[in-house]
């Protein structure tokens, strides 16, 4: 088992509990960690034996486009999509952050973290 990480992805999106947040939008950050077998790709140097970073980024970007009330919901959608579309992935961990959340005070970001593991077969 190995890990692929895409850290520091940034998106402007229209998520938020309040209607105003969904109208004006905000900056969001995403860190993605994929657990998969990397030994074959390490030995062969062939892209088809690993998880393509571009595909991972595209899946995250597409889910970030669809507005949601909660960061938890966005994170859950990304996890489900990766597990559905990439059968070699054994585990996914995602952090979704909202920069400068509207809390009435100083807070650089609010973050949720979710983890999903594929059931053993």
PDB file of N, CA and C in Angstrom:
ATOM      1  N   UNK A   1       0.851  -1.178   0.000  1.00  0.00           N
ATOM      2  CA  UNK A   1       0.000   0.000   0.000  1.00  0.00           C
ATOM      3  C   UNK A   1       0.892   1.235   0.000  1.00  0.00           C
ATOM      4  N   UNK A   2       0.487   2.236  -0.722  1.00  0.00           N
ATOM      5  CA  UNK A   2       1.189   3.505  -0.749  1.00  0.00           C
ATOM      6  C   UNK A   2       0.177   4.631  -0.712  1.00  0.00           C
ATOM      7  N   UNK A   3       0.682   5.851  -0.777  1.00  0.00           N
ATOM      8  CA  UNK A   3      -0.206   7.003  -0.701  1.00  0.00           C
ATOM      9  C   UNK A   3       0.124   8.001  -1.791  1.00  0.00           C
ATOM     10  N   UNK A   4      -0.906   8.529  -2.416  1.00  0.00           N
ATOM     11  CA  UNK A   4      -0.806   9.654  -3.337  1.00  0.00           C
ATOM     12  C   UNK A   4      -1.495  10.817  -2.658  1.00  0.00           C
ATOM     13  N   UNK A   5      -0.859  11.977  -2.658  1.00  0.00           N
ATOM     14  CA  UNK A   5      -1.449  13.152  -2.019  1.00  0.00           C
ATOM     15  C   UNK A   5      -1.499  14.313  -3.006  1.00  0.00           C
ATOM     16  N   UNK A   6      -2.634  14.979  -3.041  1.00  0.00           N
ATOM     17  CA  UNK A   6      -2.770  16.259  -3.733  1.00  0.00           C
ATOM     18  C   UNK A   6      -3.105  17.261  -2.640  1.00  0.00           C
ATOM     19  N   UNK A   7      -2.142  18.093  -2.304  1.00  0.00           N
ATOM     20  CA  UNK A   7      -2.305  19.036  -1.197  1.00  0.00           C
ATOM     21  C   UNK A   7      -2.356  20.466  -1.706  1.00  0.00           C
ATOM     22  N   UNK A   8      -3.166  21.266  -1.047  1.00  0.00           N
ATOM     23  CA  UNK A   8      -3.213  22.681  -1.363  1.00  0.00           C
ATOM     24  C   UNK A   8      -3.998  23.044  -2.607  1.00  0.00           C
ATOM     25  N   UNK A   9      -4.913  22.187  -3.035  1.00  0.00           N
ATOM     26  CA  UNK A   9      -5.773  22.565  -4.160  1.00  0.00           C
ATOM     27  C   UNK A   9      -6.676  23.711  -3.690  1.00  0.00           C
ATOM     28  N   UNK A  10      -6.883  24.703  -4.550  1.00  0.00           N
ATOM     29  CA  UNK A  10      -7.735  25.835  -4.192  1.00  0.00           C
ATOM     30  C   UNK A  10      -8.806  26.049  -5.250  1.00  0.00           C
ATOM     31  N   UNK A  11      -9.991  26.373  -4.776  1.00  0.00           N
ATOM     32  CA  UNK A  11     -11.140  26.588  -5.646  1.00  0.00           C
ATOM     33  C   UNK A  11     -11.950  27.774  -5.142  1.00  0.00           C
ATOM     34  N   UNK A  12     -12.573  28.475  -6.055  1.00  0.00           N
ATOM     35  CA  UNK A  12     -13.579  29.460  -5.678  1.00  0.00           C
ATOM     36  C   UNK A  12     -14.909  28.779  -5.939  1.00  0.00           C
ATOM     37  N   UNK A  13     -15.746  28.695  -4.905  1.00  0.00           N
ATOM     38  CA  UNK A  13     -16.994  27.948  -5.023  1.00  0.00           C
ATOM     39  C   UNK A  13     -18.096  28.637  -4.232  1.00  0.00           C
ATOM     40  N   UNK A  14     -19.291  28.098  -4.341  1.00  0.00           N
ATOM     41  CA  UNK A  14     -20.485  28.721  -3.772  1.00  0.00           C
ATOM     42  C   UNK A  14     -21.157  27.802  -2.755  1.00  0.00           C
ATOM     43  N   UNK A  15     -20.378  27.348  -1.789  1.00  0.00           N
ATOM     44  CA  UNK A  15     -20.892  26.524  -0.709  1.00  0.00           C
ATOM     45  C   UNK A  15     -21.186  27.409   0.489  1.00  0.00           C
ATOM     46  N   UNK A  16     -22.087  26.962   1.347  1.00  0.00           N
ATOM     47  CA  UNK A  16     -22.337  27.691   2.578  1.00  0.00           C
ATOM     48  C   UNK A  16     -23.735  27.452   3.092  1.00  0.00           C
ATOM     49  N   UNK A  17     -23.859  27.491   4.379  1.00  0.00           N
ATOM     50  CA  UNK A  17     -25.156  27.290   5.013  1.00  0.00           C
ATOM     51  C   UNK A  17     -26.108  28.447   4.718  1.00  0.00           C
ATOM     52  N   UNK A  18     -25.566  29.653   4.682  1.00  0.00           N
ATOM     53  CA  UNK A  18     -26.407  30.834   4.475  1.00  0.00           C
ATOM     54  C   UNK A  18     -26.554  31.131   2.987  1.00  0.00           C
ATOM     55  N   UNK A  19     -27.751  31.569   2.592  1.00  0.00           N
ATOM     56  CA  UNK A  19     -28.017  31.877   1.183  1.00  0.00           C
ATOM     57  C   UNK A  19     -27.003  32.861   0.624  1.00  0.00           C
ATOM     58  N   UNK A  20     -26.637  33.849   1.419  1.00  0.00           N
ATOM     59  CA  UNK A  20     -25.669  34.863   0.984  1.00  0.00           C
ATOM     60  C   UNK A  20     -24.341  34.217   0.583  1.00  0.00           C
ATOM     61  N   UNK A  21     -23.900  33.227   1.339  1.00  0.00           N
ATOM     62  CA  UNK A  21     -22.641  32.542   1.018  1.00  0.00           C
ATOM     63  C   UNK A  21     -22.731  31.867  -0.346  1.00  0.00           C
ATOM     64  N   UNK A  22     -23.903  31.330  -0.648  1.00  0.00           N
ATOM     65  CA  UNK A  22     -24.067  30.643  -1.928  1.00  0.00           C
ATOM     66  C   UNK A  22     -24.175  31.630  -3.092  1.00  0.00           C
ATOM     67  N   UNK A  23     -24.434  32.888  -2.793  1.00  0.00           N
ATOM     68  CA  UNK A  23     -24.493  33.916  -3.846  1.00  0.00           C
ATOM     69  C   UNK A  23     -23.134  34.557  -4.100  1.00  0.00           C
ATOM     70  N   UNK A  24     -22.400  34.892  -3.025  1.00  0.00           N
ATOM     71  CA  UNK A  24     -21.136  35.624  -3.213  1.00  0.00           C
ATOM     72  C   UNK A  24     -19.928  34.704  -3.376  1.00  0.00           C
ATOM     73  N   UNK A  25     -20.014  33.476  -2.876  1.00  0.00           N
ATOM     74  CA  UNK A  25     -18.918  32.523  -3.013  1.00  0.00           C
ATOM     75  C   UNK A  25     -17.773  32.797  -2.059  1.00  0.00           C
ATOM     76  N   UNK A  26     -16.809  31.909  -2.080  1.00  0.00           N
ATOM     77  CA  UNK A  26     -15.675  31.996  -1.175  1.00  0.00           C
ATOM     78  C   UNK A  26     -14.547  31.118  -1.724  1.00  0.00           C
ATOM     79  N   UNK A  27     -13.381  31.257  -1.128  1.00  0.00           N
ATOM     80  CA  UNK A  27     -12.233  30.424  -1.490  1.00  0.00           C
ATOM     81  C   UNK A  27     -12.204  29.197  -0.578  1.00  0.00           C
ATOM     82  N   UNK A  28     -11.924  28.057  -1.174  1.00  0.00           N
ATOM     83  CA  UNK A  28     -11.878  26.779  -0.461  1.00  0.00           C
ATOM     84  C   UNK A  28     -10.570  26.075  -0.772  1.00  0.00           C
ATOM     85  N   UNK A  29     -10.123  25.289   0.176  1.00  0.00           N
ATOM     86  CA  UNK A  29      -8.928  24.476  -0.007  1.00  0.00           C
ATOM     87  C   UNK A  29      -9.271  23.009   0.164  1.00  0.00           C
ATOM     88  N   UNK A  30      -8.584  22.175  -0.588  1.00  0.00           N
ATOM     89  CA  UNK A  30      -8.806  20.730  -0.508  1.00  0.00           C
ATOM     90  C   UNK A  30      -7.456  20.026  -0.479  1.00  0.00           C
ATOM     91  N   UNK A  31      -7.307  19.107   0.473  1.00  0.00           N
ATOM     92  CA  UNK A  31      -6.170  18.188   0.527  1.00  0.00           C
ATOM     93  C   UNK A  31      -6.735  16.790   0.377  1.00  0.00           C
ATOM     94  N   UNK A  32      -6.146  16.009  -0.512  1.00  0.00           N
ATOM     95  CA  UNK A  32      -6.657  14.680  -0.817  1.00  0.00           C
ATOM     96  C   UNK A  32      -5.541  13.656  -0.652  1.00  0.00           C
ATOM     97  N   UNK A  33      -5.840  12.562   0.034  1.00  0.00           N
ATOM     98  CA  UNK A  33      -4.872  11.492   0.283  1.00  0.00           C
ATOM     99  C   UNK A  33      -5.497  10.172  -0.160  1.00  0.00           C
ATOM    100  N   UNK A  34      -4.836   9.482  -1.070  1.00  0.00           N
ATOM    101  CA  UNK A  34      -5.349   8.255  -1.661  1.00  0.00           C
ATOM    102  C   UNK A  34      -4.454   7.096  -1.246  1.00  0.00           C
ATOM    103  N   UNK A  35      -5.044   6.065  -0.684  1.00  0.00           N
ATOM    104  CA  UNK A  35      -4.310   4.845  -0.366  1.00  0.00           C
ATOM    105  C   UNK A  35      -4.531   3.807  -1.455  1.00  0.00           C
ATOM    106  N   UNK A  36      -3.454   3.338  -2.057  1.00  0.00           N
ATOM    107  CA  UNK A  36      -3.548   2.361  -3.138  1.00  0.00           C
ATOM    108  C   UNK A  36      -2.220   1.614  -3.255  1.00  0.00           C
ATOM    109  N   UNK A  37      -2.206   0.557  -4.035  1.00  0.00           N
ATOM    110  CA  UNK A  37      -0.976  -0.191  -4.253  1.00  0.00           C
ATOM    111  C   UNK A  37      -0.144   0.537  -5.305  1.00  0.00           C
ATOM    112  N   UNK A  38       1.040   0.965  -4.924  1.00  0.00           N
ATOM    113  CA  UNK A  38       1.921   1.700  -5.832  1.00  0.00           C
ATOM    114  C   UNK A  38       3.115   0.877  -6.310  1.00  0.00           C
ATOM    115  N   UNK A  39       3.196  -0.376  -5.878  1.00  0.00           N
ATOM    116  CA  UNK A  39       4.366  -1.186  -6.211  1.00  0.00           C
ATOM    117  C   UNK A  39       4.488  -1.470  -7.705  1.00  0.00           C
ATOM    118  N   UNK A  40       3.392  -1.813  -8.369  1.00  0.00           N
ATOM    119  CA  UNK A  40       3.450  -2.118  -9.807  1.00  0.00           C
ATOM    120  C   UNK A  40       3.878  -0.891 -10.606  1.00  0.00           C
ATOM    121  N   UNK A  41       3.316   0.268 -10.278  1.00  0.00           N
ATOM    122  CA  UNK A  41       3.688   1.499 -10.980  1.00  0.00           C
ATOM    123  C   UNK A  41       5.150   1.857 -10.697  1.00  0.00           C
ATOM    124  N   UNK A  42       5.593   1.619  -9.474  1.00  0.00           N
ATOM    125  CA  UNK A  42       6.980   1.891  -9.128  1.00  0.00           C
ATOM    126  C   UNK A  42       7.944   1.032  -9.927  1.00  0.00           C
ATOM    127  N   UNK A  43       7.558  -0.211 -10.163  1.00  0.00           N
ATOM    128  CA  UNK A  43       8.425  -1.123 -10.908  1.00  0.00           C
ATOM    129  C   UNK A  43       8.361  -0.883 -12.418  1.00  0.00           C
ATOM    130  N   UNK A  44       7.161  -0.557 -12.928  1.00  0.00           N
ATOM    131  CA  UNK A  44       6.968  -0.475 -14.382  1.00  0.00           C
ATOM    132  C   UNK A  44       7.124   0.923 -14.967  1.00  0.00           C
ATOM    133  N   UNK A  45       6.903   1.953 -14.160  1.00  0.00           N
ATOM    134  CA  UNK A  45       6.913   3.344 -14.638  1.00  0.00           C
ATOM    135  C   UNK A  45       5.784   3.594 -15.637  1.00  0.00           C
ATOM    136  N   UNK A  46       4.647   2.907 -15.464  1.00  0.00           N
ATOM    137  CA  UNK A  46       3.508   3.045 -16.371  1.00  0.00           C
ATOM    138  C   UNK A  46       2.328   3.694 -15.638  1.00  0.00           C
ATOM    139  N   UNK A  47       1.791   4.741 -16.243  1.00  0.00           N
ATOM    140  CA  UNK A  47       0.694   5.508 -15.647  1.00  0.00           C
ATOM    141  C   UNK A  47      -0.549   4.658 -15.402  1.00  0.00           C
ATOM    142  N   UNK A  48      -0.836   3.725 -16.294  1.00  0.00           N
ATOM    143  CA  UNK A  48      -2.048   2.915 -16.144  1.00  0.00           C
ATOM    144  C   UNK A  48      -2.008   1.981 -14.928  1.00  0.00           C
ATOM    145  N   UNK A  49      -0.870   1.881 -14.256  1.00  0.00           N
ATOM    146  CA  UNK A  49      -0.764   1.032 -13.072  1.00  0.00           C
ATOM    147  C   UNK A  49      -0.818   1.831 -11.769  1.00  0.00           C
ATOM    148  N   UNK A  50      -1.252   3.081 -11.870  1.00  0.00           N
ATOM    149  CA  UNK A  50      -1.403   3.914 -10.685  1.00  0.00           C
ATOM    150  C   UNK A  50      -2.672   4.740 -10.827  1.00  0.00           C
ATOM    151  N   UNK A  51      -2.870   5.683  -9.929  1.00  0.00           N
ATOM    152  CA  UNK A  51      -4.013   6.587  -9.991  1.00  0.00           C
ATOM    153  C   UNK A  51      -3.517   7.901 -10.588  1.00  0.00           C
ATOM    154  N   UNK A  52      -4.120   8.305 -11.687  1.00  0.00           N
ATOM    155  CA  UNK A  52      -3.714   9.499 -12.413  1.00  0.00           C
ATOM    156  C   UNK A  52      -4.087  10.753 -11.612  1.00  0.00           C
ATOM    157  N   UNK A  53      -3.100  11.594 -11.335  1.00  0.00           N
ATOM    158  CA  UNK A  53      -3.326  12.821 -10.553  1.00  0.00           C
ATOM    159  C   UNK A  53      -4.325  13.746 -11.234  1.00  0.00           C
ATOM    160  N   UNK A  54      -4.256  13.808 -12.563  1.00  0.00           N
ATOM    161  CA  UNK A  54      -5.181  14.673 -13.308  1.00  0.00           C
ATOM    162  C   UNK A  54      -6.624  14.222 -13.128  1.00  0.00           C
ATOM    163  N   UNK A  55      -6.838  12.931 -13.108  1.00  0.00           N
ATOM    164  CA  UNK A  55      -8.195  12.405 -12.896  1.00  0.00           C
ATOM    165  C   UNK A  55      -8.682  12.769 -11.497  1.00  0.00           C
ATOM    166  N   UNK A  56      -7.825  12.604 -10.499  1.00  0.00           N
ATOM    167  CA  UNK A  56      -8.197  12.980  -9.127  1.00  0.00           C
ATOM    168  C   UNK A  56      -8.570  14.451  -9.046  1.00  0.00           C
ATOM    169  N   UNK A  57      -7.740  15.302  -9.625  1.00  0.00           N
ATOM    170  CA  UNK A  57      -8.005  16.744  -9.579  1.00  0.00           C
ATOM    171  C   UNK A  57      -9.333  17.070 -10.258  1.00  0.00           C
ATOM    172  N   UNK A  58      -9.582  16.466 -11.411  1.00  0.00           N
ATOM    173  CA  UNK A  58     -10.824  16.717 -12.155  1.00  0.00           C
ATOM    174  C   UNK A  58     -12.049  16.316 -11.329  1.00  0.00           C
ATOM    175  N   UNK A  59     -11.989  15.160 -10.664  1.00  0.00           N
ATOM    176  CA  UNK A  59     -13.120  14.719  -9.846  1.00  0.00           C
ATOM    177  C   UNK A  59     -13.402  15.705  -8.714  1.00  0.00           C
ATOM    178  N   UNK A  60     -12.339  16.168  -8.051  1.00  0.00           N
ATOM    179  CA  UNK A  60     -12.510  17.146  -6.973  1.00  0.00           C
ATOM    180  C   UNK A  60     -13.092  18.441  -7.534  1.00  0.00           C
ATOM    181  N   UNK A  61     -12.523  18.930  -8.633  1.00  0.00           N
ATOM    182  CA  UNK A  61     -12.979  20.195  -9.227  1.00  0.00           C
ATOM    183  C   UNK A  61     -14.446  20.121  -9.627  1.00  0.00           C
ATOM    184  N   UNK A  62     -14.867  19.005 -10.190  1.00  0.00           N
ATOM    185  CA  UNK A  62     -16.269  18.857 -10.600  1.00  0.00           C
ATOM    186  C   UNK A  62     -17.201  18.888  -9.399  1.00  0.00           C
ATOM    187  N   UNK A  63     -16.822  18.241  -8.314  1.00  0.00           N
ATOM    188  CA  UNK A  63     -17.664  18.254  -7.117  1.00  0.00           C
ATOM    189  C   UNK A  63     -17.675  19.622  -6.446  1.00  0.00           C
ATOM    190  N   UNK A  64     -16.578  20.354  -6.539  1.00  0.00           N
ATOM    191  CA  UNK A  64     -16.530  21.693  -5.955  1.00  0.00           C
ATOM    192  C   UNK A  64     -17.445  22.661  -6.704  1.00  0.00           C
ATOM    193  N   UNK A  65     -17.756  22.373  -7.950  1.00  0.00           N
ATOM    194  CA  UNK A  65     -18.652  23.229  -8.737  1.00  0.00           C
ATOM    195  C   UNK A  65     -20.103  23.160  -8.271  1.00  0.00           C
ATOM    196  N   UNK A  66     -20.509  22.052  -7.696  1.00  0.00           N
ATOM    197  CA  UNK A  66     -21.909  21.865  -7.284  1.00  0.00           C
ATOM    198  C   UNK A  66     -22.105  22.420  -5.874  1.00  0.00           C
ATOM    199  N   UNK A  67     -22.890  23.498  -5.716  1.00  0.00           N
ATOM    200  CA  UNK A  67     -23.066  24.116  -4.396  1.00  0.00           C
ATOM    201  C   UNK A  67     -23.615  23.136  -3.355  1.00  0.00           C
ATOM    202  N   UNK A  68     -23.170  23.332  -2.122  1.00  0.00           N
ATOM    203  CA  UNK A  68     -23.643  22.532  -0.983  1.00  0.00           C
ATOM    204  C   UNK A  68     -23.751  23.445   0.227  1.00  0.00           C
ATOM    205  N   UNK A  69     -24.585  23.091   1.159  1.00  0.00           N
ATOM    206  CA  UNK A  69     -24.718  23.870   2.389  1.00  0.00           C
ATOM    207  C   UNK A  69     -23.551  23.603   3.342  1.00  0.00           C
ATOM    208  N   UNK A  70     -23.098  22.340   3.382  1.00  0.00           N
ATOM    209  CA  UNK A  70     -22.103  21.935   4.378  1.00  0.00           C
ATOM    210  C   UNK A  70     -20.825  21.414   3.722  1.00  0.00           C
ATOM    211  N   UNK A  71     -19.687  21.734   4.342  1.00  0.00           N
ATOM    212  CA  UNK A  71     -18.419  21.183   3.884  1.00  0.00           C
ATOM    213  C   UNK A  71     -18.427  19.667   3.967  1.00  0.00           C
ATOM    214  N   UNK A  72     -19.097  19.148   4.981  1.00  0.00           N
ATOM    215  CA  UNK A  72     -19.193  17.697   5.155  1.00  0.00           C
ATOM    216  C   UNK A  72     -19.820  17.040   3.929  1.00  0.00           C
ATOM    217  N   UNK A  73     -20.822  17.701   3.361  1.00  0.00           N
ATOM    218  CA  UNK A  73     -21.509  17.153   2.189  1.00  0.00           C
ATOM    219  C   UNK A  73     -20.588  17.149   0.964  1.00  0.00           C
ATOM    220  N   UNK A  74     -19.862  18.234   0.772  1.00  0.00           N
ATOM    221  CA  UNK A  74     -18.912  18.301  -0.346  1.00  0.00           C
ATOM    222  C   UNK A  74     -17.871  17.193  -0.208  1.00  0.00           C
ATOM    223  N   UNK A  75     -17.296  17.053   0.971  1.00  0.00           N
ATOM    224  CA  UNK A  75     -16.275  16.037   1.210  1.00  0.00           C
ATOM    225  C   UNK A  75     -16.826  14.638   0.961  1.00  0.00           C
ATOM    226  N   UNK A  76     -18.034  14.395   1.424  1.00  0.00           N
ATOM    227  CA  UNK A  76     -18.672  13.083   1.250  1.00  0.00           C
ATOM    228  C   UNK A  76     -18.882  12.775  -0.239  1.00  0.00           C
ATOM    229  N   UNK A  77     -19.312  13.763  -0.992  1.00  0.00           N
ATOM    230  CA  UNK A  77     -19.508  13.555  -2.438  1.00  0.00           C
ATOM    231  C   UNK A  77     -18.202  13.186  -3.122  1.00  0.00           C
ATOM    232  N   UNK A  78     -17.114  13.864  -2.768  1.00  0.00           N
ATOM    233  CA  UNK A  78     -15.814  13.562  -3.374  1.00  0.00           C
ATOM    234  C   UNK A  78     -15.394  12.132  -3.040  1.00  0.00           C
ATOM    235  N   UNK A  79     -15.516  11.740  -1.772  1.00  0.00           N
ATOM    236  CA  UNK A  79     -15.153  10.376  -1.374  1.00  0.00           C
ATOM    237  C   UNK A  79     -15.941   9.342  -2.168  1.00  0.00           C
ATOM    238  N   UNK A  80     -17.256   9.535  -2.233  1.00  0.00           N
ATOM    239  CA  UNK A  80     -18.102   8.579  -2.955  1.00  0.00           C
ATOM    240  C   UNK A  80     -17.728   8.495  -4.429  1.00  0.00           C
ATOM    241  N   UNK A  81     -17.457   9.625  -5.022  1.00  0.00           N
ATOM    242  CA  UNK A  81     -17.124   9.659  -6.451  1.00  0.00           C
ATOM    243  C   UNK A  81     -15.805   8.944  -6.721  1.00  0.00           C
ATOM    244  N   UNK A  82     -14.808   9.198  -5.906  1.00  0.00           N
ATOM    245  CA  UNK A  82     -13.510   8.539  -6.100  1.00  0.00           C
ATOM    246  C   UNK A  82     -13.645   7.036  -5.939  1.00  0.00           C
ATOM    247  N   UNK A  83     -14.348   6.606  -4.909  1.00  0.00           N
ATOM    248  CA  UNK A  83     -14.514   5.159  -4.694  1.00  0.00           C
ATOM    249  C   UNK A  83     -15.307   4.514  -5.832  1.00  0.00           C
ATOM    250  N   UNK A  84     -16.281   5.224  -6.385  1.00  0.00           N
ATOM    251  CA  UNK A  84     -17.092   4.673  -7.470  1.00  0.00           C
ATOM    252  C   UNK A  84     -16.318   4.595  -8.781  1.00  0.00           C
ATOM    253  N   UNK A  85     -15.479   5.585  -9.047  1.00  0.00           N
ATOM    254  CA  UNK A  85     -14.827   5.673 -10.352  1.00  0.00           C
ATOM    255  C   UNK A  85     -13.421   5.093 -10.410  1.00  0.00           C
ATOM    256  N   UNK A  86     -12.804   4.893  -9.249  1.00  0.00           N
ATOM    257  CA  UNK A  86     -11.423   4.403  -9.226  1.00  0.00           C
ATOM    258  C   UNK A  86     -11.328   3.143  -8.360  1.00  0.00           C
ATOM    259  N   UNK A  87     -11.584   1.982  -8.954  1.00  0.00           N
ATOM    260  CA  UNK A  87     -11.670   0.741  -8.170  1.00  0.00           C
ATOM    261  C   UNK A  87     -10.362   0.318  -7.491  1.00  0.00           C
ATOM    262  N   UNK A  88      -9.212   0.820  -7.923  1.00  0.00           N
ATOM    263  CA  UNK A  88      -7.941   0.439  -7.310  1.00  0.00           C
ATOM    264  C   UNK A  88      -7.683   1.185  -6.001  1.00  0.00           C
ATOM    265  N   UNK A  89      -8.468   2.224  -5.744  1.00  0.00           N
ATOM    266  CA  UNK A  89      -8.283   3.009  -4.524  1.00  0.00           C
ATOM    267  C   UNK A  89      -8.830   2.223  -3.341  1.00  0.00           C
ATOM    268  N   UNK A  90      -8.021   2.066  -2.306  1.00  0.00           N
ATOM    269  CA  UNK A  90      -8.431   1.326  -1.109  1.00  0.00           C
ATOM    270  C   UNK A  90      -8.932   2.256  -0.014  1.00  0.00           C
ATOM    271  N   UNK A  91      -8.387   3.471   0.034  1.00  0.00           N
ATOM    272  CA  UNK A  91      -8.720   4.405   1.109  1.00  0.00           C
ATOM    273  C   UNK A  91      -8.603   5.825   0.580  1.00  0.00           C
ATOM    274  N   UNK A  92      -9.504   6.692   1.050  1.00  0.00           N
ATOM    275  CA  UNK A  92      -9.456   8.104   0.689  1.00  0.00           C
ATOM    276  C   UNK A  92      -9.622   8.930   1.955  1.00  0.00           C
ATOM    277  N   UNK A  93      -8.780   9.937   2.093  1.00  0.00           N
ATOM    278  CA  UNK A  93      -8.927  10.921   3.170  1.00  0.00           C
ATOM    279  C   UNK A  93      -8.982  12.285   2.501  1.00  0.00           C
ATOM    280  N   UNK A  94      -9.914  13.123   2.947  1.00  0.00           N
ATOM    281  CA  UNK A  94     -10.049  14.453   2.368  1.00  0.00           C
ATOM    282  C   UNK A  94     -10.220  15.489   3.465  1.00  0.00           C
ATOM    283  N   UNK A  95      -9.543  16.610   3.284  1.00  0.00           N
ATOM    284  CA  UNK A  95      -9.756  17.805   4.102  1.00  0.00           C
ATOM    285  C   UNK A  95     -10.363  18.849   3.180  1.00  0.00           C
ATOM    286  N   UNK A  96     -11.480  19.422   3.580  1.00  0.00           N
ATOM    287  CA  UNK A  96     -12.079  20.534   2.840  1.00  0.00           C
ATOM    288  C   UNK A  96     -12.119  21.725   3.788  1.00  0.00           C
ATOM    289  N   UNK A  97     -11.529  22.830   3.360  1.00  0.00           N
ATOM    290  CA  UNK A  97     -11.437  24.033   4.187  1.00  0.00           C
ATOM    291  C   UNK A  97     -12.150  25.196   3.516  1.00  0.00           C
ATOM    292  N   UNK A  98     -12.806  26.003   4.337  1.00  0.00           N
ATOM    293  CA  UNK A  98     -13.391  27.263   3.879  1.00  0.00           C
ATOM    294  C   UNK A  98     -12.540  28.372   4.477  1.00  0.00           C
ATOM    295  N   UNK A  99     -12.009  29.241   3.626  1.00  0.00           N
ATOM    296  CA  UNK A  99     -11.179  30.341   4.096  1.00  0.00           C
ATOM    297  C   UNK A  99     -12.055  31.483   4.615  1.00  0.00           C
ATOM    298  N   UNK A 100     -11.637  32.066   5.710  1.00  0.00           N
ATOM    299  CA  UNK A 100     -12.337  33.201   6.313  1.00  0.00           C
ATOM    300  C   UNK A 100     -13.840  32.964   6.465  1.00  0.00           C
ATOM    301  N   UNK A 101     -14.231  31.926   7.198  1.00  0.00           N
ATOM    302  CA  UNK A 101     -15.659  31.636   7.345  1.00  0.00           C
ATOM    303  C   UNK A 101     -16.359  32.752   8.128  1.00  0.00           C
ATOM    304  N   UNK A 102     -17.642  32.985   7.835  1.00  0.00           N
ATOM    305  CA  UNK A 102     -18.376  34.069   8.481  1.00  0.00           C
ATOM    306  C   UNK A 102     -18.789  33.708   9.909  1.00  0.00           C
ATOM    307  N   UNK A 103     -17.875  33.876  10.845  1.00  0.00           N
ATOM    308  CA  UNK A 103     -18.124  33.493  12.239  1.00  0.00           C
ATOM    309  C   UNK A 103     -18.276  34.691  13.170  1.00  0.00           C
ATOM    310  N   UNK A 104     -18.130  35.887  12.642  1.00  0.00           N
ATOM    311  CA  UNK A 104     -18.220  37.069  13.485  1.00  0.00           C
ATOM    312  C   UNK A 104     -16.918  37.409  14.189  1.00  0.00           C
ATOM    313  N   UNK A 105     -15.839  36.813  13.773  1.00  0.00           N
ATOM    314  CA  UNK A 105     -14.527  37.061  14.358  1.00  0.00           C
ATOM    315  C   UNK A 105     -13.455  36.525  13.432  1.00  0.00           C
ATOM    316  N   UNK A 106     -12.222  36.570  13.902  1.00  0.00           N
ATOM    317  CA  UNK A 106     -11.103  36.117  13.074  1.00  0.00           C
ATOM    318  C   UNK A 106     -10.976  34.600  13.129  1.00  0.00           C
ATOM    319  N   UNK A 107     -11.013  33.998  11.964  1.00  0.00           N
ATOM    320  CA  UNK A 107     -10.784  32.557  11.800  1.00  0.00           C
ATOM    321  C   UNK A 107     -10.265  32.371  10.384  1.00  0.00           C
ATOM    322  N   UNK A 108      -9.043  31.897  10.263  1.00  0.00           N
ATOM    323  CA  UNK A 108      -8.430  31.766   8.938  1.00  0.00           C
ATOM    324  C   UNK A 108      -9.153  30.742   8.067  1.00  0.00           C
ATOM    325  N   UNK A 109      -9.570  29.646   8.685  1.00  0.00           N
ATOM    326  CA  UNK A 109     -10.308  28.642   7.904  1.00  0.00           C
ATOM    327  C   UNK A 109     -11.046  27.691   8.828  1.00  0.00           C
ATOM    328  N   UNK A 110     -12.142  27.172   8.309  1.00  0.00           N
ATOM    329  CA  UNK A 110     -12.867  26.072   8.948  1.00  0.00           C
ATOM    330  C   UNK A 110     -12.583  24.839   8.100  1.00  0.00           C
ATOM    331  N   UNK A 111     -12.368  23.698   8.747  1.00  0.00           N
ATOM    332  CA  UNK A 111     -11.979  22.502   7.998  1.00  0.00           C
ATOM    333  C   UNK A 111     -12.741  21.286   8.508  1.00  0.00           C
ATOM    334  N   UNK A 112     -13.126  20.439   7.559  1.00  0.00           N
ATOM    335  CA  UNK A 112     -13.664  19.117   7.911  1.00  0.00           C
ATOM    336  C   UNK A 112     -12.745  18.072   7.281  1.00  0.00           C
ATOM    337  N   UNK A 113     -12.652  16.930   7.940  1.00  0.00           N
ATOM    338  CA  UNK A 113     -11.858  15.809   7.449  1.00  0.00           C
ATOM    339  C   UNK A 113     -12.728  14.566   7.468  1.00  0.00           C
ATOM    340  N   UNK A 114     -12.756  13.858   6.339  1.00  0.00           N
ATOM    341  CA  UNK A 114     -13.484  12.589   6.258  1.00  0.00           C
ATOM    342  C   UNK A 114     -12.546  11.529   5.691  1.00  0.00           C
ATOM    343  N   UNK A 115     -12.776  10.287   6.106  1.00  0.00           N
ATOM    344  CA  UNK A 115     -11.995   9.145   5.623  1.00  0.00           C
ATOM    345  C   UNK A 115     -12.953   8.047   5.215  1.00  0.00           C
ATOM    346  N   UNK A 116     -12.660   7.398   4.112  1.00  0.00           N
ATOM    347  CA  UNK A 116     -13.480   6.248   3.666  1.00  0.00           C
ATOM    348  C   UNK A 116     -12.549   5.132   3.221  1.00  0.00           C
ATOM    349  N   UNK A 117     -12.847   3.917   3.655  1.00  0.00           N
ATOM    350  CA  UNK A 117     -12.077   2.742   3.265  1.00  0.00           C
ATOM    351  C   UNK A 117     -12.981   1.796   2.489  1.00  0.00           C
ATOM    352  N   UNK A 118     -12.391   1.175   1.490  1.00  0.00           N
ATOM    353  CA  UNK A 118     -13.142   0.170   0.733  1.00  0.00           C
ATOM    354  C   UNK A 118     -13.242  -1.088   1.573  1.00  0.00           C
ATOM    355  N   UNK A 119     -14.404  -1.696   1.586  1.00  0.00           N
ATOM    356  CA  UNK A 119     -14.599  -2.916   2.361  1.00  0.00           C
ATOM    357  C   UNK A 119     -13.777  -4.046   1.754  1.00  0.00           C
ATOM    358  N   UNK A 120     -13.207  -4.868   2.627  1.00  0.00           N
ATOM    359  CA  UNK A 120     -12.422  -6.026   2.181  1.00  0.00           C
ATOM    360  C   UNK A 120     -13.341  -7.008   1.475  1.00  0.00           C
ATOM    361  N   UNK A 121     -12.849  -7.573   0.380  1.00  0.00           N
ATOM    362  CA  UNK A 121     -13.668  -8.513  -0.396  1.00  0.00           C
ATOM    363  C   UNK A 121     -13.244  -9.928  -0.174  1.00  0.00           C
TER     364      UNK A 121
END
